[in-house]
């Protein structure tokens, strides 16, 4: 499947770098969503929901999103969804969260994000 994974999760990059075009974002969850939004403006389309899973945006620093490799005309559904998700994350950023995660917790968050995107990729293959 021709797709791009936009992520800030090094485990996702490590697992899928040989199979997919992985765009690594050096930043937080909001930075990933903004990078995805920029790609959608270029003509890419969302293939997985940006906020899939039941993890609240203020409860994880990692996010991976699958988008189309090919560019088409601007996909308004993708643009509306990512714009709404950016707003949602901005609202959640105002909710108190730990200023510093312990390494073990960060590792767990990476594994959860890897599992979520792997599930999304698997469902796209079917």
C-alpha atoms as a PDB file:
ATOM      1  CA  UNK A   1       0.000   0.000   0.000  1.00  0.00           C
ATOM      2  CA  UNK A   2       1.306   3.401  -0.972  1.00  0.00           C
ATOM      3  CA  UNK A   3       1.103   5.593   2.128  1.00  0.00           C
ATOM      4  CA  UNK A   4       2.999   7.993   4.337  1.00  0.00           C
ATOM      5  CA  UNK A   5       3.200   7.654   8.098  1.00  0.00           C
ATOM      6  CA  UNK A   6       3.584  10.973   9.900  1.00  0.00           C
ATOM      7  CA  UNK A   7       4.860  10.285  13.419  1.00  0.00           C
ATOM      8  CA  UNK A   8       6.906  11.491  16.331  1.00  0.00           C
ATOM      9  CA  UNK A   9       7.319   7.926  17.614  1.00  0.00           C
ATOM     10  CA  UNK A  10      10.752   6.407  17.019  1.00  0.00           C
ATOM     11  CA  UNK A  11       9.338   2.874  17.440  1.00  0.00           C
ATOM     12  CA  UNK A  12       6.934   3.459  14.523  1.00  0.00           C
ATOM     13  CA  UNK A  13       9.756   4.858  12.403  1.00  0.00           C
ATOM     14  CA  UNK A  14      11.967   1.892  13.246  1.00  0.00           C
ATOM     15  CA  UNK A  15       9.287  -0.702  12.452  1.00  0.00           C
ATOM     16  CA  UNK A  16       7.885   0.807   9.242  1.00  0.00           C
ATOM     17  CA  UNK A  17      10.723   2.838   7.729  1.00  0.00           C
ATOM     18  CA  UNK A  18      11.626   0.136   5.211  1.00  0.00           C
ATOM     19  CA  UNK A  19       8.028  -0.454   4.122  1.00  0.00           C
ATOM     20  CA  UNK A  20       6.541   3.058   4.143  1.00  0.00           C
ATOM     21  CA  UNK A  21       7.554   6.623   3.608  1.00  0.00           C
ATOM     22  CA  UNK A  22       7.860   7.736   7.245  1.00  0.00           C
ATOM     23  CA  UNK A  23       7.929  11.446   7.959  1.00  0.00           C
ATOM     24  CA  UNK A  24       9.405  11.857  11.423  1.00  0.00           C
ATOM     25  CA  UNK A  25       8.299  14.953  13.320  1.00  0.00           C
ATOM     26  CA  UNK A  26      10.626  16.179  16.050  1.00  0.00           C
ATOM     27  CA  UNK A  27       7.956  17.489  18.383  1.00  0.00           C
ATOM     28  CA  UNK A  28       4.788  16.666  20.269  1.00  0.00           C
ATOM     29  CA  UNK A  29       1.347  15.435  19.346  1.00  0.00           C
ATOM     30  CA  UNK A  30       0.170  18.850  18.172  1.00  0.00           C
ATOM     31  CA  UNK A  31       3.242  19.178  15.937  1.00  0.00           C
ATOM     32  CA  UNK A  32       2.357  15.858  14.287  1.00  0.00           C
ATOM     33  CA  UNK A  33      -1.225  16.969  13.630  1.00  0.00           C
ATOM     34  CA  UNK A  34      -0.052  20.275  12.180  1.00  0.00           C
ATOM     35  CA  UNK A  35       2.371  18.415   9.896  1.00  0.00           C
ATOM     36  CA  UNK A  36      -0.516  16.182   8.778  1.00  0.00           C
ATOM     37  CA  UNK A  37      -2.701  19.244   8.175  1.00  0.00           C
ATOM     38  CA  UNK A  38       0.042  20.754   6.021  1.00  0.00           C
ATOM     39  CA  UNK A  39       0.223  17.525   3.994  1.00  0.00           C
ATOM     40  CA  UNK A  40      -3.548  17.559   3.503  1.00  0.00           C
ATOM     41  CA  UNK A  41      -3.289  21.114   2.160  1.00  0.00           C
ATOM     42  CA  UNK A  42      -0.791  19.704  -0.372  1.00  0.00           C
ATOM     43  CA  UNK A  43      -3.381  17.151  -1.565  1.00  0.00           C
ATOM     44  CA  UNK A  44      -2.806  14.106   0.642  1.00  0.00           C
ATOM     45  CA  UNK A  45      -5.783  12.330   2.225  1.00  0.00           C
ATOM     46  CA  UNK A  46      -6.244  10.915   5.730  1.00  0.00           C
ATOM     47  CA  UNK A  47      -6.206   7.110   5.824  1.00  0.00           C
ATOM     48  CA  UNK A  48      -6.450   6.743   9.610  1.00  0.00           C
ATOM     49  CA  UNK A  49      -8.276   8.903  12.117  1.00  0.00           C
ATOM     50  CA  UNK A  50      -5.810  11.323  13.711  1.00  0.00           C
ATOM     51  CA  UNK A  51      -7.167  10.732  17.214  1.00  0.00           C
ATOM     52  CA  UNK A  52      -7.944   7.008  16.948  1.00  0.00           C
ATOM     53  CA  UNK A  53      -7.929   5.001  20.148  1.00  0.00           C
ATOM     54  CA  UNK A  54      -9.245   5.961  23.523  1.00  0.00           C
ATOM     55  CA  UNK A  55      -6.115   7.798  24.667  1.00  0.00           C
ATOM     56  CA  UNK A  56      -6.884  11.435  25.415  1.00  0.00           C
ATOM     57  CA  UNK A  57      -4.623  13.938  23.647  1.00  0.00           C
ATOM     58  CA  UNK A  58      -3.250  15.273  26.926  1.00  0.00           C
ATOM     59  CA  UNK A  59      -2.409  11.756  28.102  1.00  0.00           C
ATOM     60  CA  UNK A  60       0.170  10.819  25.472  1.00  0.00           C
ATOM     61  CA  UNK A  61       2.998  12.675  23.765  1.00  0.00           C
ATOM     62  CA  UNK A  62       3.092  10.317  20.737  1.00  0.00           C
ATOM     63  CA  UNK A  63       0.964  10.194  17.614  1.00  0.00           C
ATOM     64  CA  UNK A  64       1.178   8.436  14.268  1.00  0.00           C
ATOM     65  CA  UNK A  65      -1.153   9.107  11.340  1.00  0.00           C
ATOM     66  CA  UNK A  66      -1.384   7.328   7.997  1.00  0.00           C
ATOM     67  CA  UNK A  67      -2.009   9.507   4.939  1.00  0.00           C
ATOM     68  CA  UNK A  68      -2.127   8.837   1.209  1.00  0.00           C
ATOM     69  CA  UNK A  69       1.139   8.886  -0.675  1.00  0.00           C
ATOM     70  CA  UNK A  70      -0.404  10.312  -3.825  1.00  0.00           C
ATOM     71  CA  UNK A  71      -1.652  13.856  -4.013  1.00  0.00           C
ATOM     72  CA  UNK A  72      -5.104  14.648  -5.371  1.00  0.00           C
ATOM     73  CA  UNK A  73      -7.350  17.670  -5.178  1.00  0.00           C
ATOM     74  CA  UNK A  74      -7.842  19.007  -1.670  1.00  0.00           C
ATOM     75  CA  UNK A  75      -9.927  16.483   0.297  1.00  0.00           C
ATOM     76  CA  UNK A  76     -12.341  18.596   2.319  1.00  0.00           C
ATOM     77  CA  UNK A  77     -13.354  15.729   4.619  1.00  0.00           C
ATOM     78  CA  UNK A  78      -9.718  15.164   5.579  1.00  0.00           C
ATOM     79  CA  UNK A  79      -9.168  18.889   6.059  1.00  0.00           C
ATOM     80  CA  UNK A  80     -12.245  19.281   8.257  1.00  0.00           C
ATOM     81  CA  UNK A  81     -11.281  16.275  10.368  1.00  0.00           C
ATOM     82  CA  UNK A  82      -7.665  17.291  10.936  1.00  0.00           C
ATOM     83  CA  UNK A  83      -8.626  20.905  11.624  1.00  0.00           C
ATOM     84  CA  UNK A  84     -11.172  19.746  14.204  1.00  0.00           C
ATOM     85  CA  UNK A  85      -8.579  17.444  15.768  1.00  0.00           C
ATOM     86  CA  UNK A  86      -6.020  20.251  16.004  1.00  0.00           C
ATOM     87  CA  UNK A  87      -8.619  22.340  17.856  1.00  0.00           C
ATOM     88  CA  UNK A  88      -9.432  19.420  20.164  1.00  0.00           C
ATOM     89  CA  UNK A  89      -5.773  18.897  21.042  1.00  0.00           C
ATOM     90  CA  UNK A  90      -5.322  22.605  21.695  1.00  0.00           C
ATOM     91  CA  UNK A  91      -8.233  22.483  24.161  1.00  0.00           C
ATOM     92  CA  UNK A  92      -6.814  19.424  25.917  1.00  0.00           C
ATOM     93  CA  UNK A  93      -3.404  21.094  26.220  1.00  0.00           C
ATOM     94  CA  UNK A  94      -4.962  23.411  28.796  1.00  0.00           C
ATOM     95  CA  UNK A  95      -5.795  20.443  31.045  1.00  0.00           C
ATOM     96  CA  UNK A  96      -3.184  19.737  33.681  1.00  0.00           C
ATOM     97  CA  UNK A  97      -0.715  17.054  32.725  1.00  0.00           C
ATOM     98  CA  UNK A  98       2.640  15.916  34.065  1.00  0.00           C
ATOM     99  CA  UNK A  99       5.423  18.245  33.017  1.00  0.00           C
ATOM    100  CA  UNK A 100       7.828  15.346  32.733  1.00  0.00           C
ATOM    101  CA  UNK A 101       7.011  11.711  31.974  1.00  0.00           C
ATOM    102  CA  UNK A 102       9.183   8.941  33.378  1.00  0.00           C
ATOM    103  CA  UNK A 103      11.090   6.896  30.777  1.00  0.00           C
ATOM    104  CA  UNK A 104       9.043   3.741  31.432  1.00  0.00           C
ATOM    105  CA  UNK A 105       5.789   5.644  30.878  1.00  0.00           C
ATOM    106  CA  UNK A 106       7.126   7.188  27.657  1.00  0.00           C
ATOM    107  CA  UNK A 107       8.084   3.703  26.479  1.00  0.00           C
ATOM    108  CA  UNK A 108       4.554   2.487  27.216  1.00  0.00           C
ATOM    109  CA  UNK A 109       3.069   5.408  25.264  1.00  0.00           C
ATOM    110  CA  UNK A 110       5.281   4.551  22.277  1.00  0.00           C
ATOM    111  CA  UNK A 111       4.104   0.935  22.356  1.00  0.00           C
ATOM    112  CA  UNK A 112       0.443   2.004  22.537  1.00  0.00           C
ATOM    113  CA  UNK A 113       0.860   4.355  19.580  1.00  0.00           C
ATOM    114  CA  UNK A 114       2.724   1.673  17.614  1.00  0.00           C
ATOM    115  CA  UNK A 115      -0.087  -0.783  18.304  1.00  0.00           C
ATOM    116  CA  UNK A 116      -2.735   1.730  17.212  1.00  0.00           C
ATOM    117  CA  UNK A 117      -1.040   2.604  13.910  1.00  0.00           C
ATOM    118  CA  UNK A 118      -0.251  -1.074  13.246  1.00  0.00           C
ATOM    119  CA  UNK A 119      -3.933  -1.857  13.677  1.00  0.00           C
ATOM    120  CA  UNK A 120      -4.836   0.980  11.315  1.00  0.00           C
ATOM    121  CA  UNK A 121      -2.350  -0.236   8.719  1.00  0.00           C
ATOM    122  CA  UNK A 122      -3.641  -3.788   9.006  1.00  0.00           C
ATOM    123  CA  UNK A 123      -7.246  -2.674   8.472  1.00  0.00           C
ATOM    124  CA  UNK A 124      -6.178  -0.633   5.400  1.00  0.00           C
ATOM    125  CA  UNK A 125      -4.555  -3.758   3.904  1.00  0.00           C
ATOM    126  CA  UNK A 126      -7.783  -5.765   4.086  1.00  0.00           C
END
